Amino acid sequence: MKPLIGITSLFCLLVNMIFWSSLLFLFALLRLIIPSRGWKKLWTSATVLLGEACIACNSSWIKILHRPSIIITGMENLKKDHWYIATSNHQSWGDIFVLQKITNKKVPLLRFFMKDVLKWIPIVSIVGWSLDMPFLKRYSKEQVEKNPSLRGKDLEQMKKAFKRLETNPGTVLSFAEGTRFTQLKHDDQQSPFKNLLRPKAGGIGIALSTMPFITTLLDFSISYESKTKSFWDFLCGRMSVISIKVRVIEIPQNLLGKDYSKEKGFRDDLKDWLYEIWEAKEEFLNSA
């Protein structure tokens, strides 16, 4: 029965994404053809509405096929017209659908940090481009050492991406761990947390530097009852018992109005702050 649910879920997902990505692409083209700031705000609002409709449709088939049991705390006092930066622990591609489902029309549309390689997936590329999601190409220390001209390029990419989000309220979400949790990655990192990888401050730091009007962080902690968390497990409905804790955290004043690429003190303070958030997240995951 579960494999049949998985196949049906995949079919619903593909049909839904193809339909809405086609409409998003048309509106995004209009935004390019008529590039004035006033019109851009209108087209951006239209693409956001389409994005929310797409999420609502995904949430519908998830509700029908998976019958999820989601216990959420901390969703009070969220604002639709407020700017947020958000972060979450990351265990599965299913996290994206869960986060979209619980936040849709409660906060501004989530914009995820997307890995540059995802540009080559047509539907993902169209949706990401239409909704101004930042595609980021990160360079390793080894790559930078071999080619010093790459130094700082990933930061410049982030700055350009965030500049496109200035016209309308938004929620920029960074999976601060940088990748999905696995025990192998955890052991390689020698992470001090049992259920989490070490948080990386880069994405959040550049977002704060580029968009100083963001003063609030949304911290999502997701716990699945299921021990297996592949995307196929999600599609099959095996990850439907979920506990989520949401924390609305005011960003400390010493982390606002700083330049992440130039101020080492800011980078250190931000890293320490994220580790404090991760300690609270770990406590929830241990008790969930």
C-alpha atoms as a PDB file:
ATOM      1  CA  MET A   1       0.000   0.000   0.000  1.00  0.00           C
ATOM      2  CA  LYS A   2       2.779   2.457   0.901  1.00  0.00           C
ATOM      3  CA  PRO A   3       4.528   2.170  -2.511  1.00  0.00           C
ATOM      4  CA  LEU A   4       1.192   2.901  -4.220  1.00  0.00           C
ATOM      5  CA  ILE A   5       0.798   6.006  -2.046  1.00  0.00           C
ATOM      6  CA  GLY A   6       4.343   6.995  -3.021  1.00  0.00           C
ATOM      7  CA  ILE A   7       3.675   6.643  -6.749  1.00  0.00           C
ATOM      8  CA  THR A   8       0.399   8.570  -6.453  1.00  0.00           C
ATOM      9  CA  SER A   9       2.107  11.299  -4.407  1.00  0.00           C
ATOM     10  CA  LEU A  10       4.867  11.652  -6.992  1.00  0.00           C
ATOM     11  CA  PHE A  11       2.294  11.925  -9.788  1.00  0.00           C
ATOM     12  CA  CYS A  12       0.336  14.605  -7.906  1.00  0.00           C
ATOM     13  CA  LEU A  13       3.535  16.510  -7.138  1.00  0.00           C
ATOM     14  CA  LEU A  14       4.733  16.496 -10.754  1.00  0.00           C
ATOM     15  CA  VAL A  15       1.364  17.535 -12.203  1.00  0.00           C
ATOM     16  CA  ASN A  16       0.985  20.301  -9.638  1.00  0.00           C
ATOM     17  CA  MET A  17       4.514  21.633 -10.127  1.00  0.00           C
ATOM     18  CA  ILE A  18       4.323  21.566 -13.937  1.00  0.00           C
ATOM     19  CA  PHE A  19       1.014  23.459 -13.933  1.00  0.00           C
ATOM     20  CA  TRP A  20       2.015  26.184 -11.474  1.00  0.00           C
ATOM     21  CA  SER A  21       5.588  26.552 -12.736  1.00  0.00           C
ATOM     22  CA  SER A  22       4.198  27.268 -16.217  1.00  0.00           C
ATOM     23  CA  LEU A  23       2.064  30.111 -14.847  1.00  0.00           C
ATOM     24  CA  LEU A  24       4.935  31.389 -12.717  1.00  0.00           C
ATOM     25  CA  PHE A  25       7.193  31.455 -15.764  1.00  0.00           C
ATOM     26  CA  LEU A  26       4.715  33.611 -17.714  1.00  0.00           C
ATOM     27  CA  PHE A  27       4.423  36.168 -14.915  1.00  0.00           C
ATOM     28  CA  ALA A  28       8.182  36.215 -14.427  1.00  0.00           C
ATOM     29  CA  LEU A  29       8.613  36.982 -18.146  1.00  0.00           C
ATOM     30  CA  LEU A  30       6.214  39.914 -17.814  1.00  0.00           C
ATOM     31  CA  ARG A  31       8.350  41.209 -14.969  1.00  0.00           C
ATOM     32  CA  LEU A  32      11.380  41.127 -17.273  1.00  0.00           C
ATOM     33  CA  ILE A  33       9.553  42.798 -20.153  1.00  0.00           C
ATOM     34  CA  ILE A  34       8.223  45.617 -17.934  1.00  0.00           C
ATOM     35  CA  PRO A  35      11.146  46.162 -15.539  1.00  0.00           C
ATOM     36  CA  SER A  36      10.059  49.356 -13.749  1.00  0.00           C
ATOM     37  CA  ARG A  37      10.096  49.169  -9.937  1.00  0.00           C
ATOM     38  CA  GLY A  38       6.350  49.816  -9.585  1.00  0.00           C
ATOM     39  CA  TRP A  39       5.432  47.073 -12.031  1.00  0.00           C
ATOM     40  CA  LYS A  40       8.022  44.735 -10.534  1.00  0.00           C
ATOM     41  CA  LYS A  41       6.272  44.973  -7.171  1.00  0.00           C
ATOM     42  CA  LEU A  42       2.959  44.074  -8.849  1.00  0.00           C
ATOM     43  CA  TRP A  43       4.420  41.108 -10.723  1.00  0.00           C
ATOM     44  CA  THR A  44       6.211  39.918  -7.595  1.00  0.00           C
ATOM     45  CA  SER A  45       2.933  40.040  -5.660  1.00  0.00           C
ATOM     46  CA  ALA A  46       1.281  38.019  -8.437  1.00  0.00           C
ATOM     47  CA  THR A  47       4.002  35.352  -8.449  1.00  0.00           C
ATOM     48  CA  VAL A  48       3.773  35.106  -4.656  1.00  0.00           C
ATOM     49  CA  LEU A  49       0.021  34.441  -4.933  1.00  0.00           C
ATOM     50  CA  LEU A  50       0.726  31.728  -7.495  1.00  0.00           C
ATOM     51  CA  GLY A  51       3.395  30.263  -5.220  1.00  0.00           C
ATOM     52  CA  GLU A  52       0.946  30.173  -2.314  1.00  0.00           C
ATOM     53  CA  ALA A  53      -1.655  28.471  -4.534  1.00  0.00           C
ATOM     54  CA  CYS A  54       0.914  25.860  -5.562  1.00  0.00           C
ATOM     55  CA  ILE A  55       1.746  25.178  -1.901  1.00  0.00           C
ATOM     56  CA  ALA A  56      -1.960  24.919  -1.037  1.00  0.00           C
ATOM     57  CA  CYS A  57      -2.408  22.271  -3.744  1.00  0.00           C
ATOM     58  CA  ASN A  58       0.618  20.315  -2.529  1.00  0.00           C
ATOM     59  CA  SER A  59      -0.727  20.508   1.016  1.00  0.00           C
ATOM     60  CA  SER A  60      -4.077  19.155  -0.205  1.00  0.00           C
ATOM     61  CA  TRP A  61      -2.716  15.956  -1.709  1.00  0.00           C
ATOM     62  CA  ILE A  62      -0.444  15.487   1.320  1.00  0.00           C
ATOM     63  CA  LYS A  63      -3.481  15.799   3.599  1.00  0.00           C
ATOM     64  CA  ILE A  64      -5.535  13.330   1.535  1.00  0.00           C
ATOM     65  CA  LEU A  65      -2.835  10.721   0.869  1.00  0.00           C
ATOM     66  CA  HIS A  66      -0.646  10.947   3.977  1.00  0.00           C
ATOM     67  CA  ARG A  67      -3.161  12.018   6.637  1.00  0.00           C
ATOM     68  CA  PRO A  68      -0.387  13.715   8.604  1.00  0.00           C
ATOM     69  CA  SER A  69      -0.465  14.175  12.368  1.00  0.00           C
ATOM     70  CA  ILE A  70       1.428  17.408  13.040  1.00  0.00           C
ATOM     71  CA  ILE A  71       1.800  18.872  16.516  1.00  0.00           C
ATOM     72  CA  ILE A  72       3.008  22.495  16.332  1.00  0.00           C
ATOM     73  CA  THR A  73       3.819  24.949  19.083  1.00  0.00           C
ATOM     74  CA  GLY A  74       4.814  28.588  18.749  1.00  0.00           C
ATOM     75  CA  MET A  75       2.864  29.634  15.643  1.00  0.00           C
ATOM     76  CA  GLU A  76       1.079  32.458  17.459  1.00  0.00           C
ATOM     77  CA  ASN A  77       1.771  36.096  16.589  1.00  0.00           C
ATOM     78  CA  LEU A  78       3.297  35.438  13.177  1.00  0.00           C
ATOM     79  CA  LYS A  79       2.719  38.273  10.710  1.00  0.00           C
ATOM     80  CA  LYS A  80       2.043  38.122   6.981  1.00  0.00           C
ATOM     81  CA  ASP A  81       3.442  41.614   6.335  1.00  0.00           C
ATOM     82  CA  HIS A  82       6.674  41.199   8.314  1.00  0.00           C
ATOM     83  CA  TRP A  83      10.194  40.431   7.092  1.00  0.00           C
ATOM     84  CA  TYR A  84      11.798  37.297   8.534  1.00  0.00           C
ATOM     85  CA  ILE A  85      14.914  35.259   8.209  1.00  0.00           C
ATOM     86  CA  ALA A  86      14.307  31.624   9.120  1.00  0.00           C
ATOM     87  CA  THR A  87      16.288  28.503   9.829  1.00  0.00           C
ATOM     88  CA  SER A  88      15.530  24.852  10.535  1.00  0.00           C
ATOM     89  CA  ASN A  89      17.217  21.543  11.114  1.00  0.00           C
ATOM     90  CA  HIS A  90      17.366  19.555   7.884  1.00  0.00           C
ATOM     91  CA  GLN A  91      16.774  15.812   7.626  1.00  0.00           C
ATOM     92  CA  SER A  92      14.929  15.233   4.344  1.00  0.00           C
ATOM     93  CA  TRP A  93      13.664  16.911   1.182  1.00  0.00           C
ATOM     94  CA  GLY A  94      10.307  16.421   2.868  1.00  0.00           C
ATOM     95  CA  ASP A  95      11.264  19.238   5.270  1.00  0.00           C
ATOM     96  CA  ILE A  96      10.566  21.731   2.485  1.00  0.00           C
ATOM     97  CA  PHE A  97       6.977  20.560   2.019  1.00  0.00           C
ATOM     98  CA  VAL A  98       6.355  20.425   5.765  1.00  0.00           C
ATOM     99  CA  LEU A  99       7.650  23.970   6.279  1.00  0.00           C
ATOM    100  CA  GLN A 100       5.642  25.277   3.331  1.00  0.00           C
ATOM    101  CA  LYS A 101       2.493  23.579   4.599  1.00  0.00           C
ATOM    102  CA  ILE A 102       2.643  25.031   8.112  1.00  0.00           C
ATOM    103  CA  THR A 103       3.689  28.567   7.087  1.00  0.00           C
ATOM    104  CA  ASN A 104       1.614  29.113   3.947  1.00  0.00           C
ATOM    105  CA  LYS A 105      -0.299  32.428   4.199  1.00  0.00           C
ATOM    106  CA  LYS A 106       0.814  32.825   7.833  1.00  0.00           C
ATOM    107  CA  VAL A 107       4.150  34.462   7.001  1.00  0.00           C
ATOM    108  CA  PRO A 108       5.466  35.852   3.700  1.00  0.00           C
ATOM    109  CA  LEU A 109       6.270  33.124   1.185  1.00  0.00           C
ATOM    110  CA  LEU A 110       9.353  31.106   2.106  1.00  0.00           C
ATOM    111  CA  ARG A 111      12.354  31.602  -0.151  1.00  0.00           C
ATOM    112  CA  PHE A 112      14.855  28.786   0.276  1.00  0.00           C
ATOM    113  CA  PHE A 113      18.586  28.945  -0.317  1.00  0.00           C
ATOM    114  CA  MET A 114      18.962  26.692  -3.371  1.00  0.00           C
ATOM    115  CA  LYS A 115      22.105  24.813  -4.355  1.00  0.00           C
ATOM    116  CA  ASP A 116      23.373  26.010  -7.737  1.00  0.00           C
ATOM    117  CA  VAL A 117      23.276  22.485  -9.179  1.00  0.00           C
ATOM    118  CA  LEU A 118      19.454  22.494  -8.825  1.00  0.00           C
ATOM    119  CA  LYS A 119      19.305  25.017 -11.685  1.00  0.00           C
ATOM    120  CA  TRP A 120      19.619  22.053 -14.026  1.00  0.00           C
ATOM    121  CA  ILE A 121      16.277  20.617 -12.883  1.00  0.00           C
ATOM    122  CA  PRO A 122      13.824  22.527 -15.141  1.00  0.00           C
ATOM    123  CA  ILE A 123      10.863  22.776 -12.739  1.00  0.00           C
ATOM    124  CA  VAL A 124      13.070  23.748  -9.789  1.00  0.00           C
ATOM    125  CA  SER A 125      14.907  26.302 -11.927  1.00  0.00           C
ATOM    126  CA  ILE A 126      11.699  27.956 -13.167  1.00  0.00           C
ATOM    127  CA  VAL A 127      10.094  28.096  -9.723  1.00  0.00           C
ATOM    128  CA  GLY A 128      13.277  29.342  -8.076  1.00  0.00           C
ATOM    129  CA  TRP A 129      13.881  32.050 -10.684  1.00  0.00           C
ATOM    130  CA  SER A 130      10.240  33.186 -10.754  1.00  0.00           C
ATOM    131  CA  LEU A 131      10.057  33.497  -6.956  1.00  0.00           C
ATOM    132  CA  ASP A 132      13.502  35.102  -6.553  1.00  0.00           C
ATOM    133  CA  MET A 133      14.929  32.216  -4.577  1.00  0.00           C
ATOM    134  CA  PRO A 134      18.707  32.596  -4.198  1.00  0.00           C
ATOM    135  CA  PHE A 135      20.729  29.964  -6.090  1.00  0.00           C
ATOM    136  CA  LEU A 136      24.114  29.701  -4.397  1.00  0.00           C
ATOM    137  CA  LYS A 137      27.329  28.113  -5.606  1.00  0.00           C
ATOM    138  CA  ARG A 138      29.706  27.502  -2.746  1.00  0.00           C
ATOM    139  CA  TYR A 139      33.438  27.046  -3.222  1.00  0.00           C
ATOM    140  CA  SER A 140      35.592  24.863  -1.001  1.00  0.00           C
ATOM    141  CA  LYS A 141      38.839  26.047   0.570  1.00  0.00           C
ATOM    142  CA  GLU A 142      40.706  23.810  -1.887  1.00  0.00           C
ATOM    143  CA  GLN A 143      38.983  25.415  -4.903  1.00  0.00           C
ATOM    144  CA  VAL A 144      39.765  28.925  -3.637  1.00  0.00           C
ATOM    145  CA  GLU A 145      43.403  28.006  -2.989  1.00  0.00           C
ATOM    146  CA  LYS A 146      43.743  26.722  -6.559  1.00  0.00           C
ATOM    147  CA  ASN A 147      41.890  29.715  -8.018  1.00  0.00           C
ATOM    148  CA  PRO A 148      42.060  32.796  -5.736  1.00  0.00           C
ATOM    149  CA  SER A 149      39.710  34.722  -8.069  1.00  0.00           C
ATOM    150  CA  LEU A 150      36.868  32.620  -6.636  1.00  0.00           C
ATOM    151  CA  ARG A 151      37.368  34.154  -3.189  1.00  0.00           C
ATOM    152  CA  GLY A 152      34.226  36.037  -2.173  1.00  0.00           C
ATOM    153  CA  LYS A 153      32.240  35.074  -5.288  1.00  0.00           C
ATOM    154  CA  ASP A 154      29.711  33.060  -3.309  1.00  0.00           C
ATOM    155  CA  LEU A 155      29.145  36.073  -1.044  1.00  0.00           C
ATOM    156  CA  GLU A 156      28.589  38.335  -4.053  1.00  0.00           C
ATOM    157  CA  GLN A 157      26.047  35.847  -5.440  1.00  0.00           C
ATOM    158  CA  MET A 158      24.141  35.969  -2.156  1.00  0.00           C
ATOM    159  CA  LYS A 159      24.131  39.767  -2.092  1.00  0.00           C
ATOM    160  CA  LYS A 160      22.728  39.982  -5.631  1.00  0.00           C
ATOM    161  CA  ALA A 161      20.048  37.401  -4.828  1.00  0.00           C
ATOM    162  CA  PHE A 162      18.923  39.169  -1.660  1.00  0.00           C
ATOM    163  CA  LYS A 163      18.777  42.557  -3.414  1.00  0.00           C
ATOM    164  CA  ARG A 164      15.974  41.154  -5.598  1.00  0.00           C
ATOM    165  CA  LEU A 165      13.840  40.535  -2.497  1.00  0.00           C
ATOM    166  CA  GLU A 166      13.671  44.156  -1.355  1.00  0.00           C
ATOM    167  CA  THR A 167      10.346  45.156  -2.958  1.00  0.00           C
ATOM    168  CA  ASN A 168       7.973  42.841  -1.046  1.00  0.00           C
ATOM    169  CA  PRO A 169       8.003  41.338   2.484  1.00  0.00           C
ATOM    170  CA  GLY A 170       9.588  37.927   2.466  1.00  0.00           C
ATOM    171  CA  THR A 171      10.880  35.052   4.564  1.00  0.00           C
ATOM    172  CA  VAL A 172      14.368  33.889   3.619  1.00  0.00           C
ATOM    173  CA  LEU A 173      15.044  30.384   4.917  1.00  0.00           C
ATOM    174  CA  SER A 174      18.515  28.940   5.352  1.00  0.00           C
ATOM    175  CA  PHE A 175      19.106  25.364   6.437  1.00  0.00           C
ATOM    176  CA  ALA A 176      22.076  26.449   8.539  1.00  0.00           C
ATOM    177  CA  GLU A 177      23.518  22.938   8.689  1.00  0.00           C
ATOM    178  CA  GLY A 178      24.167  23.319   4.956  1.00  0.00           C
ATOM    179  CA  THR A 179      23.133  19.759   4.112  1.00  0.00           C
ATOM    180  CA  ARG A 180      20.756  17.013   5.234  1.00  0.00           C
ATOM    181  CA  PHE A 181      21.622  15.256   8.481  1.00  0.00           C
ATOM    182  CA  THR A 182      23.108  11.769   8.251  1.00  0.00           C
ATOM    183  CA  GLN A 183      25.010   9.881  10.910  1.00  0.00           C
ATOM    184  CA  LEU A 184      28.041   9.706   8.618  1.00  0.00           C
ATOM    185  CA  LYS A 185      28.136  13.497   8.169  1.00  0.00           C
ATOM    186  CA  HIS A 186      27.577  13.916  11.901  1.00  0.00           C
ATOM    187  CA  ASP A 187      30.529  11.674  12.733  1.00  0.00           C
ATOM    188  CA  ASP A 188      32.794  13.302  10.124  1.00  0.00           C
ATOM    189  CA  GLN A 189      32.052  16.726  11.625  1.00  0.00           C
ATOM    190  CA  GLN A 190      32.425  15.488  15.196  1.00  0.00           C
ATOM    191  CA  SER A 191      29.318  17.547  15.897  1.00  0.00           C
ATOM    192  CA  PRO A 192      28.782  18.355  19.582  1.00  0.00           C
ATOM    193  CA  PHE A 193      25.035  17.800  19.069  1.00  0.00           C
ATOM    194  CA  LYS A 194      23.409  14.371  19.044  1.00  0.00           C
ATOM    195  CA  ASN A 195      20.663  15.189  16.518  1.00  0.00           C
ATOM    196  CA  LEU A 196      22.190  18.067  14.561  1.00  0.00           C
ATOM    197  CA  LEU A 197      25.112  19.001  12.376  1.00  0.00           C
ATOM    198  CA  ARG A 198      27.129  22.087  13.218  1.00  0.00           C
ATOM    199  CA  PRO A 199      25.365  25.291  12.090  1.00  0.00           C
ATOM    200  CA  LYS A 200      27.047  27.434   9.442  1.00  0.00           C
ATOM    201  CA  ALA A 201      26.591  31.182   9.757  1.00  0.00           C
ATOM    202  CA  GLY A 202      27.369  32.280   6.183  1.00  0.00           C
ATOM    203  CA  GLY A 203      23.902  32.365   4.640  1.00  0.00           C
ATOM    204  CA  ILE A 204      22.242  34.032   7.609  1.00  0.00           C
ATOM    205  CA  GLY A 205      25.157  36.444   7.987  1.00  0.00           C
ATOM    206  CA  ILE A 206      25.000  37.652   4.382  1.00  0.00           C
ATOM    207  CA  ALA A 207      21.203  37.942   4.584  1.00  0.00           C
ATOM    208  CA  LEU A 208      21.488  40.152   7.665  1.00  0.00           C
ATOM    209  CA  SER A 209      24.223  42.236   6.019  1.00  0.00           C
ATOM    210  CA  THR A 210      22.265  42.717   2.799  1.00  0.00           C
ATOM    211  CA  MET A 211      18.800  43.196   4.300  1.00  0.00           C
ATOM    212  CA  PRO A 212      19.267  45.233   7.503  1.00  0.00           C
ATOM    213  CA  PHE A 213      15.499  45.725   7.808  1.00  0.00           C
ATOM    214  CA  ILE A 214      15.156  42.075   8.923  1.00  0.00           C
ATOM    215  CA  THR A 215      15.147  42.024  12.725  1.00  0.00           C
ATOM    216  CA  THR A 216      13.376  38.718  13.494  1.00  0.00           C
ATOM    217  CA  LEU A 217      14.477  35.103  13.162  1.00  0.00           C
ATOM    218  CA  LEU A 218      12.038  32.191  12.886  1.00  0.00           C
ATOM    219  CA  ASP A 219      13.599  29.017  14.226  1.00  0.00           C
ATOM    220  CA  PHE A 220      11.881  25.757  13.208  1.00  0.00           C
ATOM    221  CA  SER A 221      12.748  22.483  14.946  1.00  0.00           C
ATOM    222  CA  ILE A 222      11.293  19.436  13.173  1.00  0.00           C
ATOM    223  CA  SER A 223      11.101  15.966  14.702  1.00  0.00           C
ATOM    224  CA  TYR A 224       9.771  12.954  12.762  1.00  0.00           C
ATOM    225  CA  GLU A 225       8.624   9.792  14.490  1.00  0.00           C
ATOM    226  CA  SER A 226       9.941   7.798  11.514  1.00  0.00           C
ATOM    227  CA  LYS A 227      13.536   6.585  11.719  1.00  0.00           C
ATOM    228  CA  THR A 228      13.880   6.562   7.918  1.00  0.00           C
ATOM    229  CA  LYS A 229      13.631   9.961   6.251  1.00  0.00           C
ATOM    230  CA  SER A 230      14.377   9.644   2.536  1.00  0.00           C
ATOM    231  CA  PHE A 231      12.262  11.575   0.030  1.00  0.00           C
ATOM    232  CA  TRP A 232      10.658   8.300  -0.988  1.00  0.00           C
ATOM    233  CA  ASP A 233       9.700   7.683   2.646  1.00  0.00           C
ATOM    234  CA  PHE A 234       8.078  11.122   2.641  1.00  0.00           C
ATOM    235  CA  LEU A 235       6.152  10.429  -0.577  1.00  0.00           C
ATOM    236  CA  CYS A 236       4.961   7.094   0.823  1.00  0.00           C
ATOM    237  CA  GLY A 237       3.567   8.813   3.915  1.00  0.00           C
ATOM    238  CA  ARG A 238       5.968   7.148   6.341  1.00  0.00           C
ATOM    239  CA  MET A 239       6.988  10.529   7.809  1.00  0.00           C
ATOM    240  CA  SER A 240       3.504  11.740   8.696  1.00  0.00           C
ATOM    241  CA  VAL A 241       3.826  11.895  12.494  1.00  0.00           C
ATOM    242  CA  ILE A 242       5.649  15.163  13.122  1.00  0.00           C
ATOM    243  CA  SER A 243       6.376  17.448  16.071  1.00  0.00           C
ATOM    244  CA  ILE A 244       7.433  21.020  15.332  1.00  0.00           C
ATOM    245  CA  LYS A 245       8.527  23.814  17.619  1.00  0.00           C
ATOM    246  CA  VAL A 246       8.592  27.369  16.261  1.00  0.00           C
ATOM    247  CA  ARG A 247      10.517  30.098  18.050  1.00  0.00           C
ATOM    248  CA  VAL A 248      10.196  33.775  17.137  1.00  0.00           C
ATOM    249  CA  ILE A 249      13.508  35.331  18.140  1.00  0.00           C
ATOM    250  CA  GLU A 250      14.421  38.998  17.991  1.00  0.00           C
ATOM    251  CA  ILE A 251      17.873  39.351  16.477  1.00  0.00           C
ATOM    252  CA  PRO A 252      20.328  40.956  18.936  1.00  0.00           C
ATOM    253  CA  GLN A 253      21.293  44.549  18.173  1.00  0.00           C
ATOM    254  CA  ASN A 254      24.993  43.669  17.948  1.00  0.00           C
ATOM    255  CA  LEU A 255      24.194  41.467  14.916  1.00  0.00           C
ATOM    256  CA  LEU A 256      22.359  44.153  12.934  1.00  0.00           C
ATOM    257  CA  GLY A 257      23.857  46.563  10.422  1.00  0.00           C
ATOM    258  CA  LYS A 258      27.146  44.670  10.099  1.00  0.00           C
ATOM    259  CA  ASP A 259      29.169  43.430   7.120  1.00  0.00           C
ATOM    260  CA  TYR A 260      29.642  39.663   7.292  1.00  0.00           C
ATOM    261  CA  SER A 261      32.419  39.609   4.699  1.00  0.00           C
ATOM    262  CA  LYS A 262      34.568  42.230   6.466  1.00  0.00           C
ATOM    263  CA  GLU A 263      33.872  42.072  10.218  1.00  0.00           C
ATOM    264  CA  LYS A 264      35.373  39.058  11.981  1.00  0.00           C
ATOM    265  CA  GLY A 265      33.829  40.095  15.296  1.00  0.00           C
ATOM    266  CA  PHE A 266      30.378  39.953  13.697  1.00  0.00           C
ATOM    267  CA  ARG A 267      31.081  36.503  12.273  1.00  0.00           C
ATOM    268  CA  ASP A 268      32.202  35.227  15.676  1.00  0.00           C
ATOM    269  CA  ASP A 269      29.210  36.757  17.500  1.00  0.00           C
ATOM    270  CA  LEU A 270      26.780  35.321  14.932  1.00  0.00           C
ATOM    271  CA  LYS A 271      28.337  31.864  15.219  1.00  0.00           C
ATOM    272  CA  ASP A 272      28.042  31.971  19.026  1.00  0.00           C
ATOM    273  CA  TRP A 273      24.395  33.087  18.766  1.00  0.00           C
ATOM    274  CA  LEU A 274      23.559  30.262  16.346  1.00  0.00           C
ATOM    275  CA  TYR A 275      25.163  27.718  18.669  1.00  0.00           C
ATOM    276  CA  GLU A 276      22.908  28.957  21.478  1.00  0.00           C
ATOM    277  CA  ILE A 277      19.891  28.459  19.194  1.00  0.00           C
ATOM    278  CA  TRP A 278      21.161  24.989  18.283  1.00  0.00           C
ATOM    279  CA  GLU A 279      21.452  24.049  21.956  1.00  0.00           C
ATOM    280  CA  ALA A 280      17.764  24.898  22.470  1.00  0.00           C
ATOM    281  CA  LYS A 281      16.900  23.007  19.293  1.00  0.00           C
ATOM    282  CA  GLU A 282      18.816  19.965  20.501  1.00  0.00           C
ATOM    283  CA  GLU A 283      16.917  20.042  23.788  1.00  0.00           C
ATOM    284  CA  PHE A 284      13.587  19.939  21.922  1.00  0.00           C
ATOM    285  CA  LEU A 285      14.702  17.128  19.602  1.00  0.00           C
ATOM    286  CA  ASN A 286      15.878  15.058  22.568  1.00  0.00           C
ATOM    287  CA  SER A 287      12.479  15.398  24.246  1.00  0.00           C
ATOM    288  CA  ALA A 288      10.224  15.045  21.165  1.00  0.00           C
END
